[in-house]
N, C-alpha and C. Protein backbone atom coordinates (compact mmCIF):
# COMPACT_ATOMS: atom_id res chain seq x y z
N MET A 1 97.31 73.97 100.01
CA MET A 1 97.45 73.75 101.44
C MET A 1 96.30 74.46 102.16
N GLU A 2 95.61 73.72 102.96
CA GLU A 2 94.40 74.27 103.59
C GLU A 2 94.62 74.81 105.00
N VAL A 3 95.86 74.90 105.44
CA VAL A 3 96.13 75.42 106.78
C VAL A 3 95.67 76.88 106.84
N ASN A 4 94.83 77.20 107.80
CA ASN A 4 94.31 78.54 108.03
C ASN A 4 93.40 79.08 106.93
N MET A 5 93.05 78.27 105.94
CA MET A 5 92.22 78.79 104.85
C MET A 5 90.82 79.18 105.34
N GLY A 6 90.31 78.49 106.33
CA GLY A 6 89.00 78.87 106.87
C GLY A 6 89.02 80.29 107.42
N THR A 7 90.06 80.63 108.14
CA THR A 7 90.20 81.98 108.68
C THR A 7 90.33 83.01 107.57
N VAL A 8 91.16 82.70 106.57
CA VAL A 8 91.36 83.62 105.46
C VAL A 8 90.06 83.83 104.70
N ARG A 9 89.34 82.75 104.42
CA ARG A 9 88.07 82.87 103.70
C ARG A 9 87.05 83.68 104.50
N SER A 10 87.03 83.50 105.81
CA SER A 10 86.12 84.29 106.65
C SER A 10 86.48 85.76 106.59
N ASN A 11 87.76 86.08 106.61
CA ASN A 11 88.19 87.48 106.53
C ASN A 11 87.81 88.10 105.19
N VAL A 12 87.99 87.34 104.10
CA VAL A 12 87.59 87.84 102.77
C VAL A 12 86.09 88.12 102.76
N ALA A 13 85.30 87.21 103.28
CA ALA A 13 83.84 87.37 103.30
C ALA A 13 83.44 88.59 104.13
N ARG A 14 84.07 88.78 105.29
CA ARG A 14 83.76 89.92 106.14
C ARG A 14 84.08 91.23 105.43
N ASN A 15 85.20 91.27 104.72
CA ASN A 15 85.59 92.50 104.02
C ASN A 15 84.72 92.77 102.80
N ALA A 16 84.11 91.74 102.24
CA ALA A 16 83.25 91.91 101.07
C ALA A 16 81.84 92.36 101.44
N THR A 17 81.47 92.21 102.72
CA THR A 17 80.14 92.59 103.16
C THR A 17 79.90 94.07 102.91
N GLY A 18 78.86 94.37 102.16
CA GLY A 18 78.52 95.76 101.88
C GLY A 18 79.29 96.36 100.71
N ALA A 19 80.18 95.61 100.09
CA ALA A 19 80.94 96.13 98.95
C ALA A 19 80.04 96.18 97.72
N GLU A 20 80.34 97.12 96.85
CA GLU A 20 79.61 97.21 95.58
C GLU A 20 79.84 95.92 94.79
N GLU A 21 78.93 95.60 93.89
CA GLU A 21 78.98 94.33 93.15
C GLU A 21 80.29 94.14 92.40
N HIS A 22 80.82 95.18 91.79
CA HIS A 22 82.04 95.04 91.00
C HIS A 22 83.25 95.65 91.69
N ASP A 23 83.13 95.94 92.95
CA ASP A 23 84.26 96.41 93.75
C ASP A 23 85.26 95.27 93.89
N ALA A 24 86.54 95.57 93.88
CA ALA A 24 87.57 94.53 93.97
C ALA A 24 87.38 93.66 95.20
N THR A 25 86.93 94.24 96.29
CA THR A 25 86.71 93.47 97.51
C THR A 25 85.64 92.42 97.33
N SER A 26 84.59 92.74 96.58
CA SER A 26 83.51 91.77 96.38
C SER A 26 83.94 90.64 95.45
N LEU A 27 84.97 90.87 94.64
CA LEU A 27 85.44 89.85 93.70
C LEU A 27 86.57 88.99 94.27
N ALA A 28 87.09 89.37 95.42
CA ALA A 28 88.24 88.67 96.00
C ALA A 28 87.86 87.25 96.42
N GLN A 29 88.83 86.36 96.33
CA GLN A 29 88.63 85.00 96.82
C GLN A 29 89.95 84.48 97.39
N ALA A 30 89.84 83.55 98.28
CA ALA A 30 91.01 82.93 98.90
C ALA A 30 91.16 81.53 98.33
N VAL A 31 92.38 81.21 97.90
CA VAL A 31 92.66 79.91 97.29
C VAL A 31 93.87 79.31 97.98
N GLY A 32 93.72 78.13 98.53
CA GLY A 32 94.85 77.43 99.13
C GLY A 32 95.76 76.90 98.03
N TYR A 33 97.06 76.91 98.28
CA TYR A 33 98.01 76.46 97.27
C TYR A 33 99.31 76.04 97.94
N SER A 34 99.90 74.95 97.48
CA SER A 34 101.22 74.51 97.95
C SER A 34 102.23 74.87 96.88
N TRP A 35 103.20 75.71 97.23
CA TRP A 35 104.18 76.22 96.28
C TRP A 35 104.85 75.09 95.51
N GLY A 36 104.97 75.29 94.20
CA GLY A 36 105.65 74.34 93.34
C GLY A 36 104.76 73.28 92.73
N THR A 37 103.51 73.21 93.16
CA THR A 37 102.58 72.22 92.60
C THR A 37 101.84 72.85 91.41
N PRO A 38 101.25 72.01 90.54
CA PRO A 38 100.47 72.58 89.43
C PRO A 38 99.38 73.53 89.95
N LEU A 39 99.11 74.55 89.18
CA LEU A 39 98.14 75.56 89.59
C LEU A 39 96.72 75.02 89.60
N PRO A 40 95.95 75.38 90.64
CA PRO A 40 94.53 75.03 90.64
C PRO A 40 93.80 75.90 89.61
N PRO A 41 92.60 75.52 89.21
CA PRO A 41 91.86 76.29 88.19
C PRO A 41 91.73 77.77 88.52
N GLU A 42 91.56 78.11 89.80
CA GLU A 42 91.39 79.51 90.20
C GLU A 42 92.62 80.36 89.88
N LEU A 43 93.79 79.73 89.79
CA LEU A 43 95.02 80.48 89.51
C LEU A 43 95.44 80.39 88.05
N ARG A 44 94.63 79.73 87.23
CA ARG A 44 94.93 79.62 85.81
C ARG A 44 94.24 80.69 84.98
N ILE A 45 93.59 81.63 85.67
CA ILE A 45 92.93 82.74 85.01
C ILE A 45 93.62 84.03 85.44
N ALA A 46 93.33 85.11 84.73
CA ALA A 46 93.94 86.40 85.06
C ALA A 46 93.52 86.84 86.47
N PHE A 47 94.46 87.41 87.20
CA PHE A 47 94.17 87.97 88.52
C PHE A 47 95.10 89.15 88.74
N ASP A 48 94.77 89.98 89.71
CA ASP A 48 95.50 91.22 89.95
C ASP A 48 96.58 91.13 91.01
N ILE A 49 96.35 90.32 92.03
CA ILE A 49 97.30 90.32 93.16
C ILE A 49 97.27 88.97 93.87
N VAL A 50 98.41 88.61 94.42
CA VAL A 50 98.52 87.41 95.25
C VAL A 50 99.11 87.84 96.58
N LEU A 51 98.47 87.48 97.67
CA LEU A 51 98.99 87.74 99.01
C LEU A 51 99.53 86.45 99.58
N CYS A 52 100.73 86.49 100.11
CA CYS A 52 101.40 85.27 100.59
C CYS A 52 101.85 85.48 102.02
N GLY A 53 101.30 84.72 102.94
CA GLY A 53 101.72 84.82 104.32
C GLY A 53 103.00 84.04 104.60
N ASP A 54 103.99 84.67 105.18
CA ASP A 54 105.26 84.05 105.59
C ASP A 54 106.07 83.48 104.43
N LEU A 55 105.71 83.76 103.21
CA LEU A 55 106.39 83.16 102.08
C LEU A 55 107.83 83.64 101.94
N LEU A 56 108.05 84.93 101.96
CA LEU A 56 109.39 85.43 101.66
C LEU A 56 110.45 84.91 102.62
N TYR A 57 110.11 84.77 103.88
CA TYR A 57 111.08 84.21 104.83
C TYR A 57 111.52 82.82 104.38
N HIS A 58 110.56 81.98 104.02
CA HIS A 58 110.87 80.61 103.63
C HIS A 58 111.57 80.54 102.27
N VAL A 59 111.23 81.45 101.36
CA VAL A 59 111.89 81.46 100.05
C VAL A 59 113.35 81.85 100.21
N TRP A 60 113.59 82.97 100.87
CA TRP A 60 114.96 83.48 100.93
C TRP A 60 115.83 82.73 101.93
N SER A 61 115.23 81.98 102.84
CA SER A 61 116.04 81.15 103.72
C SER A 61 116.43 79.85 103.01
N GLY A 62 115.89 79.65 101.80
CA GLY A 62 116.24 78.48 101.00
C GLY A 62 115.25 77.34 101.09
N ARG A 63 114.37 77.38 102.07
CA ARG A 63 113.45 76.26 102.28
C ARG A 63 112.48 76.07 101.11
N LEU A 64 111.96 77.15 100.54
CA LEU A 64 110.97 77.04 99.47
C LEU A 64 111.41 77.73 98.18
N GLN A 65 112.69 77.98 98.03
CA GLN A 65 113.14 78.73 96.86
C GLN A 65 112.81 78.01 95.54
N ASN A 66 113.12 76.72 95.44
CA ASN A 66 112.82 75.99 94.21
C ASN A 66 111.32 75.92 93.93
N GLU A 67 110.53 75.70 94.97
CA GLU A 67 109.08 75.62 94.81
C GLU A 67 108.51 76.97 94.36
N PHE A 68 109.04 78.05 94.94
CA PHE A 68 108.59 79.37 94.57
C PHE A 68 108.92 79.69 93.12
N LEU A 69 110.14 79.37 92.70
CA LEU A 69 110.55 79.63 91.31
C LEU A 69 109.72 78.78 90.33
N THR A 70 109.40 77.55 90.71
CA THR A 70 108.54 76.70 89.88
C THR A 70 107.16 77.33 89.74
N THR A 71 106.63 77.85 90.83
CA THR A 71 105.33 78.50 90.79
C THR A 71 105.37 79.72 89.87
N LEU A 72 106.43 80.52 89.95
CA LEU A 72 106.54 81.67 89.06
C LEU A 72 106.55 81.24 87.60
N GLN A 73 107.19 80.11 87.30
CA GLN A 73 107.18 79.60 85.93
C GLN A 73 105.76 79.19 85.52
N TYR A 74 105.04 78.53 86.42
CA TYR A 74 103.65 78.17 86.13
C TYR A 74 102.82 79.42 85.83
N LEU A 75 102.97 80.43 86.69
CA LEU A 75 102.18 81.65 86.52
C LEU A 75 102.52 82.40 85.25
N ASN A 76 103.77 82.29 84.82
CA ASN A 76 104.22 82.96 83.60
C ASN A 76 103.92 82.13 82.35
N GLY A 77 103.45 80.92 82.54
CA GLY A 77 103.12 80.05 81.41
C GLY A 77 104.30 79.26 80.90
N GLY A 78 105.45 79.36 81.57
CA GLY A 78 106.65 78.68 81.11
C GLY A 78 106.68 77.20 81.45
N ALA A 79 105.77 76.74 82.25
CA ALA A 79 105.74 75.32 82.61
C ALA A 79 104.37 74.74 82.32
N GLY A 80 103.81 75.12 81.21
CA GLY A 80 102.51 74.59 80.82
C GLY A 80 101.34 75.24 81.54
N ALA A 81 101.55 76.44 82.03
CA ALA A 81 100.48 77.21 82.72
C ALA A 81 99.77 76.35 83.76
N GLY A 82 100.55 75.64 84.54
CA GLY A 82 99.97 74.87 85.62
C GLY A 82 99.60 73.46 85.27
N ALA A 83 99.92 73.06 84.06
CA ALA A 83 99.60 71.67 83.67
C ALA A 83 100.43 70.70 84.47
N ALA A 84 99.89 69.54 84.71
CA ALA A 84 100.61 68.51 85.48
C ALA A 84 101.69 67.89 84.65
């Protein structure tokens, strides 16, 4: 999902300015994703952290609970590691 991704990518770039080459900030990237869909290539590799805006409200209110659980299965490799 590309909603607000331009803003997020700009923020990542601003925070990476002046960072050391191998500093976590310089390696950060923003990836749009719709919960429950197969993982894009960027999420099929090892990573340290995922930041999710407004996700928990929608998961626990029931709106995205199934999609969120499907995504966790993809990330854990239980659903073909993001395979379609």
